[in-house]
Amino acid sequence: MDVRASLESEITLSPLERQLVPTGLFIELPVGFEGQIRPRSGLAIKQGITCLNTPGTIDADYRGEIMIILINLSAEKQVIHSGDRIAQLVVQKVEKAEWFESVELTVTQRNDGGFGHTGKR
């Protein structure tokens, strides 16, 4: 679902400036679920504005206002108005993992290769 800014006055983001933007939303998620805040593609391509800490996690026990960290990656100042769609919220089921200490890990084809290890084909 789209998330909108809830502002008393507009916010101007200078190039490379980031701000915490209020939404006026307060939610109560069931235990075992999380909210994920994601950028809007149109805002990113048209104005160069995206979310930091993406996806941002809203834990099931959080009861405060949902706030969105926006950054302006464009070369021009960008203005956010109250009611502007600034992010997306996805609600997702979360599994709780149990961790076990191990002396060694199983071997895989990839093993410890990372960051471009598999290359392009």
Protein backbone atom coordinates (compact mmCIF):
# COMPACT_ATOMS: atom_id res chain seq x y z
CA MET A 1 0.00 0.00 0.00
CA ASP A 2 1.16 3.54 -0.64
CA VAL A 3 2.23 5.60 2.36
CA ARG A 4 1.68 9.36 2.29
CA ALA A 5 3.46 12.24 4.00
CA SER A 6 1.52 13.90 6.82
CA LEU A 7 3.05 17.35 7.19
CA GLU A 8 2.16 20.64 8.86
CA SER A 9 4.23 22.39 6.19
CA GLU A 10 6.08 21.25 3.10
CA ILE A 11 9.60 19.83 3.34
CA THR A 12 12.34 20.86 0.92
CA LEU A 13 15.11 18.31 0.45
CA SER A 14 18.36 19.72 -0.90
CA PRO A 15 20.61 17.44 -2.99
CA LEU A 16 21.94 14.59 -0.81
CA GLU A 17 19.87 15.78 2.16
CA ARG A 18 17.92 13.22 4.19
CA GLN A 19 15.00 13.81 6.53
CA LEU A 20 12.64 11.80 8.66
CA VAL A 21 9.15 12.33 7.22
CA PRO A 22 6.03 11.72 9.34
CA THR A 23 3.11 9.75 7.92
CA GLY A 24 0.44 10.09 10.60
CA LEU A 25 0.13 6.27 10.57
CA PHE A 26 0.12 4.14 13.70
CA ILE A 27 -0.41 0.39 13.28
CA GLU A 28 -0.62 -2.73 15.42
CA LEU A 29 0.75 -5.74 13.59
CA PRO A 30 0.00 -9.26 14.79
CA VAL A 31 2.86 -11.19 16.40
CA GLY A 32 4.74 -13.06 13.66
CA PHE A 33 4.40 -10.24 11.11
CA GLU A 34 6.49 -7.22 10.15
CA GLY A 35 5.94 -4.13 8.07
CA GLN A 36 8.49 -3.35 5.35
CA ILE A 37 8.95 0.20 4.09
CA ARG A 38 10.12 0.37 0.48
CA PRO A 39 10.79 3.20 -1.99
CA ARG A 40 8.35 4.19 -4.71
CA SER A 41 9.85 3.69 -8.16
CA GLY A 42 8.11 6.73 -9.67
CA LEU A 43 9.46 9.05 -6.97
CA ALA A 44 12.95 7.63 -7.48
CA ILE A 45 13.04 7.99 -11.27
CA LYS A 46 11.14 11.28 -11.56
CA GLN A 47 12.54 13.20 -8.57
CA GLY A 48 15.57 11.22 -7.41
CA ILE A 49 14.00 10.62 -3.99
CA THR A 50 14.35 7.25 -2.30
CA CYS A 51 14.17 5.67 1.15
CA LEU A 52 17.22 4.95 3.24
CA ASN A 53 17.50 1.79 5.33
CA THR A 54 15.54 -0.10 2.71
CA PRO A 55 13.58 -2.09 3.39
CA GLY A 56 12.89 -0.46 6.72
CA THR A 57 11.41 -2.86 9.25
CA ILE A 58 8.42 -2.13 11.48
CA ASP A 59 8.36 -4.72 14.25
CA ALA A 60 5.07 -6.17 15.53
CA ASP A 61 5.59 -4.59 18.98
CA TYR A 62 6.21 -1.03 17.64
CA ARG A 63 3.39 1.38 18.44
CA GLY A 64 4.84 4.76 17.42
CA GLU A 65 4.20 6.77 14.31
CA ILE A 66 5.59 5.31 11.10
CA MET A 67 8.32 7.66 9.91
CA ILE A 68 10.07 7.41 6.54
CA ILE A 69 13.75 8.29 5.99
CA LEU A 70 13.86 10.03 2.61
CA ILE A 71 16.97 11.19 0.73
CA ASN A 72 17.21 13.38 -2.36
CA LEU A 73 19.73 11.85 -4.76
CA SER A 74 19.00 14.37 -7.52
CA ALA A 75 21.01 17.50 -8.31
CA GLU A 76 18.03 19.80 -7.59
CA LYS A 77 16.00 20.67 -4.50
CA GLN A 78 12.85 18.56 -4.19
CA VAL A 79 9.70 19.49 -2.30
CA ILE A 80 7.51 17.04 -0.35
CA HIS A 81 3.93 18.14 0.31
CA SER A 82 1.44 16.74 2.79
CA GLY A 83 -0.44 13.92 1.08
CA ASP A 84 2.39 13.05 -1.34
CA ARG A 85 2.92 9.32 -1.75
CA ILE A 86 6.43 8.82 -0.39
CA ALA A 87 6.88 5.07 0.18
CA GLN A 88 5.21 1.68 0.08
CA LEU A 89 4.29 -0.55 3.02
CA VAL A 90 4.32 -4.33 2.67
CA VAL A 91 3.14 -6.56 5.53
CA GLN A 92 4.98 -9.86 5.61
CA LYS A 93 4.89 -12.97 7.78
CA VAL A 94 8.17 -13.53 9.63
CA GLU A 95 9.56 -16.87 10.70
CA LYS A 96 11.53 -17.04 13.92
CA ALA A 97 14.80 -18.93 13.47
CA GLU A 98 16.50 -21.02 16.11
CA TRP A 99 20.28 -20.72 16.07
CA PHE A 100 22.69 -23.52 16.90
CA GLU A 101 26.43 -23.21 17.40
CA SER A 102 28.51 -25.37 15.05
CA VAL A 103 32.21 -26.10 14.77
CA GLU A 104 32.05 -26.34 10.97
CA LEU A 105 29.62 -25.60 8.14
CA THR A 106 28.60 -27.85 5.29
CA VAL A 107 30.42 -27.28 2.00
CA THR A 108 28.49 -25.87 -1.01
CA GLN A 109 29.47 -25.18 -4.61
CA ARG A 110 29.59 -21.44 -3.86
CA ASN A 111 31.05 -21.89 -0.37
CA ASP A 112 32.53 -18.53 0.77
CA GLY A 113 32.46 -16.81 -2.66
CA GLY A 114 30.46 -13.57 -2.64
CA PHE A 115 30.05 -10.11 -4.21
CA GLY A 116 30.03 -11.07 -7.87
CA HIS A 117 31.58 -14.48 -7.31
CA THR A 118 29.17 -16.24 -9.69
CA GLY A 119 29.80 -13.71 -12.51
CA LYS A 120 27.57 -13.03 -15.53
CA ARG A 121 26.59 -15.73 -17.99
